[in-house]
Amino acid sequence: MTDLPSTVEIREEGPREGFQIEPGPIPTERKVALVDALSATGLHHIQVCSFVSPKLVPGWADAEAVVAGFAPKPGVTYTALWFNAAGLNRALAFKDRLKVEGAVTVVASEAFSLKNLNRDRAKNLAAQRANVVAHLEAGVAVPRISVQAAFGCNYSGDVPPAKVIEALADAFAIGAEHGLELREATLADTMGWATPARIERVVGEVRARWPELSIILHLHDTRGLGIANAHAGLRLGISRFDTTVGGLGGCPFAGQPGAPGNIATEELVLLCEEMGIATGIDLDALVEAGRLAEDVVGRTLPSTMLRSGGLARFRQAA
């Protein structure tokens, strides 16, 4: 396993992912409490909210209040998610508290794009061009590509690596039109189709085409393979992952009600620790934050570590 990274950057998305899908209503102060608890764990990147339509995503009708309410911790980068110029403008109102950057979002499955965004490939690319223009006019950098449904789709089935390459090529073409330096790409397993073999194939083909591109994996545990897929990514040298504390979240538009969401942050931290990979995260504090998340949403979250805890205290007892 000579390609293992020495350190891993974990990008916590639990608040944003979780509170967009939980039935609620969840009081603003409880959302803020979770952000503050996560800030105290050693995490360096936390996505705190979505600036989206409150009619479509009522769980984030209080996005501004949450961003105004949490206590920023030095050394932690806080971000948010948005999909259009209106959301961007809402984020810019908090640029003193949030890192505001854009992304070119493409979809490797047109069927999912139609279901999730109500756009075919051509319409989505037109929307992304307009999105880039809005960001650049606002003085906001666009350094990243996001590829949805990069490993498979509930509506179209297997997504071959060629479709991921095609989606990335679309994004790079948009970048070239506007002089963007797109340095990194998130490959999202939006509906939980990834397996270790799929991770190897897709990452391998992307690297063969763009060897300098930095890859981030956004993995879901929909079918119980999330941590196995993360392990495959680590073996390939991937050093950045999106996760959610307790396994909060999921894709509300994927036709999988009740399915587990993203891989649990604490489970990835444990895997890294056992492999000798540094994360800089206090695992015990993270587990406590996960238990707080369970209390906030009022249900049992998928992470088994919230019940079993880590290994350190058992090693000490032995």
C-alpha atoms as a PDB file:
ATOM      1  CA  MET A   1       0.000   0.000   0.000  1.00  0.00           C
ATOM      2  CA  THR A   2       2.787   2.410  -0.978  1.00  0.00           C
ATOM      3  CA  ASP A   3       0.325   5.002  -2.306  1.00  0.00           C
ATOM      4  CA  LEU A   4      -1.268   5.593   1.103  1.00  0.00           C
ATOM      5  CA  PRO A   5      -1.334   9.304   2.009  1.00  0.00           C
ATOM      6  CA  SER A   6       0.394  10.335   5.236  1.00  0.00           C
ATOM      7  CA  THR A   7      -2.433  12.711   6.122  1.00  0.00           C
ATOM      8  CA  VAL A   8      -6.076  13.019   5.129  1.00  0.00           C
ATOM      9  CA  GLU A   9      -8.281  16.103   4.932  1.00  0.00           C
ATOM     10  CA  ILE A  10     -11.831  15.324   6.019  1.00  0.00           C
ATOM     11  CA  ARG A  11     -14.473  17.764   4.832  1.00  0.00           C
ATOM     12  CA  GLU A  12     -17.389  17.558   7.254  1.00  0.00           C
ATOM     13  CA  GLU A  13     -20.785  18.123   5.610  1.00  0.00           C
ATOM     14  CA  GLY A  14     -23.099  16.780   8.308  1.00  0.00           C
ATOM     15  CA  PRO A  15     -24.987  19.982   9.153  1.00  0.00           C
ATOM     16  CA  ARG A  16     -25.686  20.866   5.523  1.00  0.00           C
ATOM     17  CA  GLU A  17     -26.440  17.301   4.397  1.00  0.00           C
ATOM     18  CA  GLY A  18     -28.424  16.321   7.457  1.00  0.00           C
ATOM     19  CA  PHE A  19     -30.675  19.276   8.037  1.00  0.00           C
ATOM     20  CA  GLN A  20     -31.753  19.429   4.386  1.00  0.00           C
ATOM     21  CA  ILE A  21     -33.350  15.988   4.632  1.00  0.00           C
ATOM     22  CA  GLU A  22     -34.525  15.588   8.235  1.00  0.00           C
ATOM     23  CA  PRO A  23     -38.282  16.154   8.638  1.00  0.00           C
ATOM     24  CA  GLY A  24     -37.871  18.615  11.519  1.00  0.00           C
ATOM     25  CA  PRO A  25     -38.593  21.279  12.307  1.00  0.00           C
ATOM     26  CA  ILE A  26     -35.215  21.545  14.047  1.00  0.00           C
ATOM     27  CA  PRO A  27     -34.634  24.694  16.098  1.00  0.00           C
ATOM     28  CA  THR A  28     -31.912  26.992  14.802  1.00  0.00           C
ATOM     29  CA  GLU A  29     -30.051  26.953  18.102  1.00  0.00           C
ATOM     30  CA  ARG A  30     -29.703  23.172  17.947  1.00  0.00           C
ATOM     31  CA  LYS A  31     -28.202  23.366  14.459  1.00  0.00           C
ATOM     32  CA  VAL A  32     -25.777  25.966  15.755  1.00  0.00           C
ATOM     33  CA  ALA A  33     -24.898  23.737  18.716  1.00  0.00           C
ATOM     34  CA  LEU A  34     -23.878  20.919  16.348  1.00  0.00           C
ATOM     35  CA  VAL A  35     -21.689  23.233  14.263  1.00  0.00           C
ATOM     36  CA  ASP A  36     -19.982  24.476  17.427  1.00  0.00           C
ATOM     37  CA  ALA A  37     -19.456  20.919  18.697  1.00  0.00           C
ATOM     38  CA  LEU A  38     -17.901  19.893  15.380  1.00  0.00           C
ATOM     39  CA  SER A  39     -15.644  22.947  15.485  1.00  0.00           C
ATOM     40  CA  ALA A  40     -14.117  21.612  18.714  1.00  0.00           C
ATOM     41  CA  THR A  41     -13.111  18.194  17.291  1.00  0.00           C
ATOM     42  CA  GLY A  42     -10.063  19.173  15.234  1.00  0.00           C
ATOM     43  CA  LEU A  43     -11.939  19.259  11.934  1.00  0.00           C
ATOM     44  CA  HIS A  44     -10.586  21.940   9.606  1.00  0.00           C
ATOM     45  CA  HIS A  45     -13.443  22.099   7.083  1.00  0.00           C
ATOM     46  CA  ILE A  46     -17.170  22.223   7.944  1.00  0.00           C
ATOM     47  CA  GLN A  47     -20.025  22.847   5.514  1.00  0.00           C
ATOM     48  CA  VAL A  48     -22.661  24.479   7.658  1.00  0.00           C
ATOM     49  CA  CYS A  49     -25.741  25.099   5.490  1.00  0.00           C
ATOM     50  CA  SER A  50     -27.423  25.362   2.089  1.00  0.00           C
ATOM     51  CA  PHE A  51     -28.604  28.659   0.623  1.00  0.00           C
ATOM     52  CA  VAL A  52     -31.475  27.144  -1.323  1.00  0.00           C
ATOM     53  CA  SER A  53     -35.192  27.721  -1.816  1.00  0.00           C
ATOM     54  CA  PRO A  54     -37.023  27.391   1.526  1.00  0.00           C
ATOM     55  CA  LYS A  55     -40.023  26.067  -0.402  1.00  0.00           C
ATOM     56  CA  LEU A  56     -38.004  23.182  -1.846  1.00  0.00           C
ATOM     57  CA  VAL A  57     -35.754  22.625   1.196  1.00  0.00           C
ATOM     58  CA  PRO A  58     -37.613  23.948   4.265  1.00  0.00           C
ATOM     59  CA  GLY A  59     -34.940  22.536   6.562  1.00  0.00           C
ATOM     60  CA  TRP A  60     -32.666  25.368   5.446  1.00  0.00           C
ATOM     61  CA  ALA A  61     -35.110  28.251   5.666  1.00  0.00           C
ATOM     62  CA  ASP A  62     -32.984  29.494   8.594  1.00  0.00           C
ATOM     63  CA  ALA A  63     -29.606  29.311   6.815  1.00  0.00           C
ATOM     64  CA  GLU A  64     -28.750  32.956   7.545  1.00  0.00           C
ATOM     65  CA  ALA A  65     -29.570  32.569  11.236  1.00  0.00           C
ATOM     66  CA  VAL A  66     -27.361  29.475  11.520  1.00  0.00           C
ATOM     67  CA  VAL A  67     -24.399  31.158   9.839  1.00  0.00           C
ATOM     68  CA  ALA A  68     -24.797  34.227  12.024  1.00  0.00           C
ATOM     69  CA  GLY A  69     -25.146  32.083  15.140  1.00  0.00           C
ATOM     70  CA  PHE A  70     -22.183  29.710  15.241  1.00  0.00           C
ATOM     71  CA  ALA A  71     -18.879  30.662  16.865  1.00  0.00           C
ATOM     72  CA  PRO A  72     -16.081  30.529  14.256  1.00  0.00           C
ATOM     73  CA  LYS A  73     -12.990  28.725  15.499  1.00  0.00           C
ATOM     74  CA  PRO A  74      -9.555  29.819  14.231  1.00  0.00           C
ATOM     75  CA  GLY A  75      -8.113  27.330  11.783  1.00  0.00           C
ATOM     76  CA  VAL A  76     -11.513  26.012  10.677  1.00  0.00           C
ATOM     77  CA  THR A  77     -12.858  26.813   7.214  1.00  0.00           C
ATOM     78  CA  TYR A  78     -16.634  27.131   7.052  1.00  0.00           C
ATOM     79  CA  THR A  79     -18.482  26.772   3.758  1.00  0.00           C
ATOM     80  CA  ALA A  80     -22.017  26.608   2.405  1.00  0.00           C
ATOM     81  CA  LEU A  81     -23.773  25.229  -0.669  1.00  0.00           C
ATOM     82  CA  TRP A  82     -25.837  27.065  -3.303  1.00  0.00           C
ATOM     83  CA  PHE A  83     -26.984  26.384  -6.862  1.00  0.00           C
ATOM     84  CA  ASN A  84     -27.735  29.754  -8.421  1.00  0.00           C
ATOM     85  CA  ALA A  85     -27.014  33.478  -8.314  1.00  0.00           C
ATOM     86  CA  ALA A  86     -29.606  34.079  -5.603  1.00  0.00           C
ATOM     87  CA  GLY A  87     -27.903  31.543  -3.338  1.00  0.00           C
ATOM     88  CA  LEU A  88     -24.490  33.013  -4.132  1.00  0.00           C
ATOM     89  CA  ASN A  89     -25.662  36.468  -3.104  1.00  0.00           C
ATOM     90  CA  ARG A  90     -26.948  35.080   0.186  1.00  0.00           C
ATOM     91  CA  ALA A  91     -23.559  33.459   0.824  1.00  0.00           C
ATOM     92  CA  LEU A  92     -21.667  36.657  -0.042  1.00  0.00           C
ATOM     93  CA  ALA A  93     -23.477  38.447   2.761  1.00  0.00           C
ATOM     94  CA  PHE A  94     -21.435  36.236   5.123  1.00  0.00           C
ATOM     95  CA  LYS A  95     -18.049  36.257   3.399  1.00  0.00           C
ATOM     96  CA  ASP A  96     -16.481  37.342   6.699  1.00  0.00           C
ATOM     97  CA  ARG A  97     -17.575  33.988   8.200  1.00  0.00           C
ATOM     98  CA  LEU A  98     -17.675  31.673   5.174  1.00  0.00           C
ATOM     99  CA  LYS A  99     -15.194  30.753   2.470  1.00  0.00           C
ATOM    100  CA  VAL A 100     -17.123  31.523  -0.703  1.00  0.00           C
ATOM    101  CA  GLU A 101     -15.968  29.565  -3.761  1.00  0.00           C
ATOM    102  CA  GLY A 102     -17.815  28.190  -6.749  1.00  0.00           C
ATOM    103  CA  ALA A 103     -17.801  24.923  -8.656  1.00  0.00           C
ATOM    104  CA  VAL A 104     -18.773  23.717 -12.107  1.00  0.00           C
ATOM    105  CA  THR A 105     -21.354  21.003 -11.410  1.00  0.00           C
ATOM    106  CA  VAL A 106     -21.820  18.299 -14.020  1.00  0.00           C
ATOM    107  CA  VAL A 107     -23.690  15.002 -13.952  1.00  0.00           C
ATOM    108  CA  ALA A 108     -22.429  11.680 -15.315  1.00  0.00           C
ATOM    109  CA  SER A 109     -26.016  10.392 -15.697  1.00  0.00           C
ATOM    110  CA  GLU A 110     -28.397  12.483 -17.777  1.00  0.00           C
ATOM    111  CA  ALA A 111     -31.340  10.574 -16.287  1.00  0.00           C
ATOM    112  CA  PHE A 112     -30.353  11.753 -12.813  1.00  0.00           C
ATOM    113  CA  SER A 113     -29.809  15.294 -14.069  1.00  0.00           C
ATOM    114  CA  LEU A 114     -33.358  15.308 -15.391  1.00  0.00           C
ATOM    115  CA  LYS A 115     -34.720  13.881 -12.135  1.00  0.00           C
ATOM    116  CA  ASN A 116     -32.664  15.996  -9.757  1.00  0.00           C
ATOM    117  CA  LEU A 117     -32.216  19.265 -11.660  1.00  0.00           C
ATOM    118  CA  ASN A 118     -34.912  19.043 -14.346  1.00  0.00           C
ATOM    119  CA  ARG A 119     -32.178  19.660 -16.922  1.00  0.00           C
ATOM    120  CA  ASP A 120     -30.751  17.561 -19.727  1.00  0.00           C
ATOM    121  CA  ARG A 121     -27.021  17.735 -20.426  1.00  0.00           C
ATOM    122  CA  ALA A 122     -27.266  20.769 -22.703  1.00  0.00           C
ATOM    123  CA  LYS A 123     -29.466  22.733 -20.316  1.00  0.00           C
ATOM    124  CA  ASN A 124     -27.230  21.945 -17.370  1.00  0.00           C
ATOM    125  CA  LEU A 125     -24.127  23.079 -19.244  1.00  0.00           C
ATOM    126  CA  ALA A 126     -25.903  26.318 -20.138  1.00  0.00           C
ATOM    127  CA  ALA A 127     -26.816  26.751 -16.471  1.00  0.00           C
ATOM    128  CA  GLN A 128     -23.204  26.118 -15.456  1.00  0.00           C
ATOM    129  CA  ARG A 129     -21.946  28.750 -17.894  1.00  0.00           C
ATOM    130  CA  ALA A 130     -24.350  31.260 -16.365  1.00  0.00           C
ATOM    131  CA  ASN A 131     -23.281  30.128 -12.900  1.00  0.00           C
ATOM    132  CA  VAL A 132     -19.608  30.715 -13.695  1.00  0.00           C
ATOM    133  CA  VAL A 133     -20.343  34.176 -15.076  1.00  0.00           C
ATOM    134  CA  ALA A 134     -22.288  35.087 -11.915  1.00  0.00           C
ATOM    135  CA  HIS A 135     -19.398  33.985  -9.717  1.00  0.00           C
ATOM    136  CA  LEU A 136     -16.740  35.779 -11.717  1.00  0.00           C
ATOM    137  CA  GLU A 137     -18.785  38.985 -11.836  1.00  0.00           C
ATOM    138  CA  ALA A 138     -19.024  38.799  -8.051  1.00  0.00           C
ATOM    139  CA  GLY A 139     -15.264  38.294  -7.765  1.00  0.00           C
ATOM    140  CA  VAL A 140     -15.651  34.706  -6.547  1.00  0.00           C
ATOM    141  CA  ALA A 141     -13.146  32.048  -7.593  1.00  0.00           C
ATOM    142  CA  VAL A 142     -14.305  28.848  -9.290  1.00  0.00           C
ATOM    143  CA  PRO A 143     -11.503  26.294  -8.751  1.00  0.00           C
ATOM    144  CA  ARG A 144     -13.423  23.010  -8.607  1.00  0.00           C
ATOM    145  CA  ILE A 145     -15.538  20.573 -10.597  1.00  0.00           C
ATOM    146  CA  SER A 146     -18.273  18.497  -8.970  1.00  0.00           C
ATOM    147  CA  VAL A 147     -19.387  15.329 -10.755  1.00  0.00           C
ATOM    148  CA  GLN A 148     -22.686  13.881  -9.542  1.00  0.00           C
ATOM    149  CA  ALA A 149     -23.649  10.214 -10.062  1.00  0.00           C
ATOM    150  CA  ALA A 150     -20.035   9.351 -10.869  1.00  0.00           C
ATOM    151  CA  PHE A 151     -20.338   5.648 -10.035  1.00  0.00           C
ATOM    152  CA  GLY A 152     -23.901   4.659 -10.914  1.00  0.00           C
ATOM    153  CA  CYS A 153     -27.496   5.818 -11.066  1.00  0.00           C
ATOM    154  CA  ASN A 154     -30.844   4.501  -9.835  1.00  0.00           C
ATOM    155  CA  TYR A 155     -32.471   5.807 -13.024  1.00  0.00           C
ATOM    156  CA  SER A 156     -29.986   4.749 -15.710  1.00  0.00           C
ATOM    157  CA  GLY A 157     -28.015   1.932 -14.068  1.00  0.00           C
ATOM    158  CA  ASP A 158     -24.255   1.534 -14.321  1.00  0.00           C
ATOM    159  CA  VAL A 159     -22.352   4.684 -15.206  1.00  0.00           C
ATOM    160  CA  PRO A 160     -19.249   3.738 -17.208  1.00  0.00           C
ATOM    161  CA  PRO A 161     -16.029   5.658 -16.568  1.00  0.00           C
ATOM    162  CA  ALA A 162     -16.328   7.116 -20.082  1.00  0.00           C
ATOM    163  CA  LYS A 163     -19.383   9.069 -18.918  1.00  0.00           C
ATOM    164  CA  VAL A 164     -17.387  10.529 -16.017  1.00  0.00           C
ATOM    165  CA  ILE A 165     -14.623  11.507 -18.436  1.00  0.00           C
ATOM    166  CA  GLU A 166     -17.229  13.105 -20.695  1.00  0.00           C
ATOM    167  CA  ALA A 167     -18.721  15.080 -17.798  1.00  0.00           C
ATOM    168  CA  LEU A 168     -15.297  16.284 -16.680  1.00  0.00           C
ATOM    169  CA  ALA A 169     -14.413  17.248 -20.255  1.00  0.00           C
ATOM    170  CA  ASP A 170     -17.614  19.325 -20.373  1.00  0.00           C
ATOM    171  CA  ALA A 171     -16.557  21.118 -17.196  1.00  0.00           C
ATOM    172  CA  PHE A 172     -13.027  21.753 -18.443  1.00  0.00           C
ATOM    173  CA  ALA A 173     -14.462  23.160 -21.676  1.00  0.00           C
ATOM    174  CA  ILE A 174     -16.540  25.626 -19.660  1.00  0.00           C
ATOM    175  CA  GLY A 175     -13.468  26.458 -17.613  1.00  0.00           C
ATOM    176  CA  ALA A 176     -11.442  27.133 -20.759  1.00  0.00           C
ATOM    177  CA  GLU A 177     -14.137  29.504 -22.051  1.00  0.00           C
ATOM    178  CA  HIS A 178     -13.721  31.637 -18.939  1.00  0.00           C
ATOM    179  CA  GLY A 179     -10.015  31.238 -18.196  1.00  0.00           C
ATOM    180  CA  LEU A 180     -10.578  29.115 -15.092  1.00  0.00           C
ATOM    181  CA  GLU A 181      -7.883  26.971 -13.516  1.00  0.00           C
ATOM    182  CA  LEU A 182      -9.918  23.948 -12.416  1.00  0.00           C
ATOM    183  CA  ARG A 183      -7.514  22.210 -10.067  1.00  0.00           C
ATOM    184  CA  GLU A 184      -9.731  19.703  -8.263  1.00  0.00           C
ATOM    185  CA  ALA A 185     -12.750  17.510  -8.846  1.00  0.00           C
ATOM    186  CA  THR A 186     -15.202  15.894  -6.463  1.00  0.00           C
ATOM    187  CA  LEU A 187     -16.421  12.499  -7.642  1.00  0.00           C
ATOM    188  CA  ALA A 188     -19.748  11.875  -5.916  1.00  0.00           C
ATOM    189  CA  ASP A 189     -21.314   8.471  -5.341  1.00  0.00           C
ATOM    190  CA  THR A 190     -24.685  10.191  -5.135  1.00  0.00           C
ATOM    191  CA  MET A 191     -26.847   7.056  -4.990  1.00  0.00           C
ATOM    192  CA  GLY A 192     -24.479   4.541  -3.431  1.00  0.00           C
ATOM    193  CA  TRP A 193     -23.447   2.484  -6.464  1.00  0.00           C
ATOM    194  CA  ALA A 194     -19.707   2.538  -5.820  1.00  0.00           C
ATOM    195  CA  THR A 195     -17.685  -0.568  -5.029  1.00  0.00           C
ATOM    196  CA  PRO A 196     -13.930  -0.763  -4.472  1.00  0.00           C
ATOM    197  CA  ALA A 197     -13.509  -2.031  -8.025  1.00  0.00           C
ATOM    198  CA  ARG A 198     -15.557   0.876  -9.419  1.00  0.00           C
ATOM    199  CA  ILE A 199     -13.501   3.345  -7.369  1.00  0.00           C
ATOM    200  CA  GLU A 200     -10.311   1.903  -8.854  1.00  0.00           C
ATOM    201  CA  ARG A 201     -11.635   2.000 -12.419  1.00  0.00           C
ATOM    202  CA  VAL A 202     -13.052   5.519 -12.321  1.00  0.00           C
ATOM    203  CA  VAL A 203     -10.160   7.100 -10.421  1.00  0.00           C
ATOM    204  CA  GLY A 204      -7.683   5.278 -12.649  1.00  0.00           C
ATOM    205  CA  GLU A 205      -9.263   6.540 -15.867  1.00  0.00           C
ATOM    206  CA  VAL A 206      -9.627  10.100 -14.574  1.00  0.00           C
ATOM    207  CA  ARG A 207      -5.976  10.159 -13.548  1.00  0.00           C
ATOM    208  CA  ALA A 208      -4.901   8.709 -16.886  1.00  0.00           C
ATOM    209  CA  ARG A 209      -6.611  11.643 -18.645  1.00  0.00           C
ATOM    210  CA  TRP A 210      -5.765  14.404 -16.131  1.00  0.00           C
ATOM    211  CA  PRO A 211      -2.849  13.229 -13.948  1.00  0.00           C
ATOM    212  CA  GLU A 212      -2.480  16.583 -12.158  1.00  0.00           C
ATOM    213  CA  LEU A 213      -6.144  16.821 -11.144  1.00  0.00           C
ATOM    214  CA  SER A 214      -6.699  16.570  -7.385  1.00  0.00           C
ATOM    215  CA  ILE A 215      -9.569  14.171  -6.623  1.00  0.00           C
ATOM    216  CA  ILE A 216     -11.995  14.373  -3.706  1.00  0.00           C
ATOM    217  CA  LEU A 217     -14.284  11.420  -2.981  1.00  0.00           C
ATOM    218  CA  HIS A 218     -17.843  12.037  -1.802  1.00  0.00           C
ATOM    219  CA  LEU A 219     -19.067   8.582  -0.797  1.00  0.00           C
ATOM    220  CA  HIS A 220     -22.436   7.317   0.387  1.00  0.00           C
ATOM    221  CA  ASP A 221     -23.008   4.220   2.498  1.00  0.00           C
ATOM    222  CA  THR A 222     -26.315   3.400   0.817  1.00  0.00           C
ATOM    223  CA  ARG A 223     -25.470  -0.272   0.355  1.00  0.00           C
ATOM    224  CA  GLY A 224     -22.975  -0.720   3.188  1.00  0.00           C
ATOM    225  CA  LEU A 225     -19.799  -0.333   1.121  1.00  0.00           C
ATOM    226  CA  GLY A 226     -18.940   3.236   2.034  1.00  0.00           C
ATOM    227  CA  ILE A 227     -15.920   2.557   4.240  1.00  0.00           C
ATOM    228  CA  ALA A 228     -14.691  -0.210   1.912  1.00  0.00           C
ATOM    229  CA  ASN A 229     -14.815   2.345  -0.889  1.00  0.00           C
ATOM    230  CA  ALA A 230     -12.936   4.879   1.232  1.00  0.00           C
ATOM    231  CA  HIS A 231     -10.294   2.231   1.899  1.00  0.00           C
ATOM    232  CA  ALA A 232      -9.954   1.691  -1.837  1.00  0.00           C
ATOM    233  CA  GLY A 233      -9.550   5.435  -2.288  1.00  0.00           C
ATOM    234  CA  LEU A 234      -6.873   5.611   0.412  1.00  0.00           C
ATOM    235  CA  ARG A 235      -4.942   2.800  -1.283  1.00  0.00           C
ATOM    236  CA  LEU A 236      -4.983   4.895  -4.458  1.00  0.00           C
ATOM    237  CA  GLY A 237      -3.532   7.856  -2.568  1.00  0.00           C
ATOM    238  CA  ILE A 238      -6.756   9.883  -2.311  1.00  0.00           C
ATOM    239  CA  SER A 239      -6.297  12.274   0.607  1.00  0.00           C
ATOM    240  CA  ARG A 240      -9.546  14.284   0.683  1.00  0.00           C
ATOM    241  CA  PHE A 241     -12.989  12.959   1.512  1.00  0.00           C
ATOM    242  CA  ASP A 242     -16.437  14.425   2.151  1.00  0.00           C
ATOM    243  CA  THR A 243     -18.132  12.858   5.188  1.00  0.00           C
ATOM    244  CA  THR A 244     -20.949  13.527   7.642  1.00  0.00           C
ATOM    245  CA  VAL A 245     -20.921  13.034  11.387  1.00  0.00           C
ATOM    246  CA  GLY A 246     -23.011  10.013  12.355  1.00  0.00           C
ATOM    247  CA  GLY A 247     -23.762   9.360   8.678  1.00  0.00           C
ATOM    248  CA  LEU A 248     -26.244  12.239   8.520  1.00  0.00           C
ATOM    249  CA  GLY A 249     -27.936  13.021   5.240  1.00  0.00           C
ATOM    250  CA  GLY A 250     -28.627  11.307   1.970  1.00  0.00           C
ATOM    251  CA  CYS A 251     -29.897  12.308  -1.452  1.00  0.00           C
ATOM    252  CA  PRO A 252     -33.554  13.377  -1.152  1.00  0.00           C
ATOM    253  CA  PHE A 253     -34.074  13.123  -4.923  1.00  0.00           C
ATOM    254  CA  ALA A 254     -32.633   9.632  -5.470  1.00  0.00           C
ATOM    255  CA  GLY A 255     -35.775   7.608  -4.778  1.00  0.00           C
ATOM    256  CA  GLN A 256     -34.290   5.939  -1.687  1.00  0.00           C
ATOM    257  CA  PRO A 257     -36.275   7.099   1.357  1.00  0.00           C
ATOM    258  CA  GLY A 258     -34.664   5.976   4.584  1.00  0.00           C
ATOM    259  CA  ALA A 259     -31.395   4.870   2.969  1.00  0.00           C
ATOM    260  CA  PRO A 260     -28.155   5.683   4.813  1.00  0.00           C
ATOM    261  CA  GLY A 261     -26.417   8.869   3.751  1.00  0.00           C
ATOM    262  CA  ASN A 262     -22.767   9.778   3.529  1.00  0.00           C
ATOM    263  CA  ILE A 263     -20.014   7.763   5.128  1.00  0.00           C
ATOM    264  CA  ALA A 264     -19.740   8.612   8.811  1.00  0.00           C
ATOM    265  CA  THR A 265     -16.885  10.939   9.677  1.00  0.00           C
ATOM    266  CA  GLU A 266     -15.953   9.014  12.807  1.00  0.00           C
ATOM    267  CA  GLU A 267     -15.763   5.703  10.922  1.00  0.00           C
ATOM    268  CA  LEU A 268     -13.363   7.172   8.374  1.00  0.00           C
ATOM    269  CA  VAL A 269     -11.263   8.719  11.157  1.00  0.00           C
ATOM    270  CA  LEU A 270     -11.034   5.316  12.868  1.00  0.00           C
ATOM    271  CA  LEU A 271     -10.013   3.651   9.594  1.00  0.00           C
ATOM    272  CA  CYS A 272      -7.306   6.251   9.041  1.00  0.00           C
ATOM    273  CA  GLU A 273      -5.998   5.939  12.593  1.00  0.00           C
ATOM    274  CA  GLU A 274      -5.740   2.165  12.280  1.00  0.00           C
ATOM    275  CA  MET A 275      -3.853   2.585   8.986  1.00  0.00           C
ATOM    276  CA  GLY A 276      -1.403   5.088  10.462  1.00  0.00           C
ATOM    277  CA  ILE A 277      -2.831   8.044   8.522  1.00  0.00           C
ATOM    278  CA  ALA A 278      -3.081  11.339  10.419  1.00  0.00           C
ATOM    279  CA  THR A 279      -6.355  13.297  10.476  1.00  0.00           C
ATOM    280  CA  GLY A 280      -5.768  15.741  13.336  1.00  0.00           C
ATOM    281  CA  ILE A 281      -9.201  14.882  14.721  1.00  0.00           C
ATOM    282  CA  ASP A 282     -10.079  13.960  18.308  1.00  0.00           C
ATOM    283  CA  LEU A 283     -12.077  10.783  17.741  1.00  0.00           C
ATOM    284  CA  ASP A 284     -13.720  10.757  21.168  1.00  0.00           C
ATOM    285  CA  ALA A 285     -14.896  14.358  20.735  1.00  0.00           C
ATOM    286  CA  LEU A 286     -16.170  13.491  17.272  1.00  0.00           C
ATOM    287  CA  VAL A 287     -18.191  10.545  18.597  1.00  0.00           C
ATOM    288  CA  GLU A 288     -19.747  12.848  21.203  1.00  0.00           C
ATOM    289  CA  ALA A 289     -20.638  15.301  18.431  1.00  0.00           C
ATOM    290  CA  GLY A 290     -22.270  12.408  16.580  1.00  0.00           C
ATOM    291  CA  ARG A 291     -24.327  11.539  19.633  1.00  0.00           C
ATOM    292  CA  LEU A 292     -25.381  15.182  19.844  1.00  0.00           C
ATOM    293  CA  ALA A 293     -26.425  14.969  16.171  1.00  0.00           C
ATOM    294  CA  GLU A 294     -28.612  11.964  17.020  1.00  0.00           C
ATOM    295  CA  ASP A 295     -30.242  13.909  19.827  1.00  0.00           C
ATOM    296  CA  VAL A 296     -30.795  16.929  17.564  1.00  0.00           C
ATOM    297  CA  VAL A 297     -32.522  14.947  14.816  1.00  0.00           C
ATOM    298  CA  GLY A 298     -34.316  12.648  17.253  1.00  0.00           C
ATOM    299  CA  ARG A 299     -33.457   9.349  15.620  1.00  0.00           C
ATOM    300  CA  THR A 300     -30.746   6.696  15.512  1.00  0.00           C
ATOM    301  CA  LEU A 301     -28.096   7.531  12.920  1.00  0.00           C
ATOM    302  CA  PRO A 302     -26.375   4.851  10.789  1.00  0.00           C
ATOM    303  CA  SER A 303     -22.923   5.067  12.375  1.00  0.00           C
ATOM    304  CA  THR A 304     -22.212   2.031  14.545  1.00  0.00           C
ATOM    305  CA  MET A 305     -19.408   3.935  16.273  1.00  0.00           C
ATOM    306  CA  LEU A 306     -21.947   6.083  18.066  1.00  0.00           C
ATOM    307  CA  ARG A 307     -22.830   2.952  20.008  1.00  0.00           C
ATOM    308  CA  SER A 308     -19.472   1.183  20.216  1.00  0.00           C
ATOM    309  CA  GLY A 309     -17.026   4.095  20.436  1.00  0.00           C
ATOM    310  CA  GLY A 310     -13.389   3.918  19.386  1.00  0.00           C
ATOM    311  CA  LEU A 311     -10.685   1.435  20.316  1.00  0.00           C
ATOM    312  CA  ALA A 312      -8.401   3.583  22.485  1.00  0.00           C
ATOM    313  CA  ARG A 313     -10.196   3.093  25.794  1.00  0.00           C
ATOM    314  CA  PHE A 314     -10.352  -0.657  25.310  1.00  0.00           C
ATOM    315  CA  ARG A 315      -6.638  -0.775  24.557  1.00  0.00           C
ATOM    316  CA  GLN A 316      -5.962   1.180  27.740  1.00  0.00           C
ATOM    317  CA  ALA A 317      -8.154  -1.189  29.762  1.00  0.00           C
ATOM    318  CA  ALA A 318      -6.321  -4.208  28.337  1.00  0.00           C
END
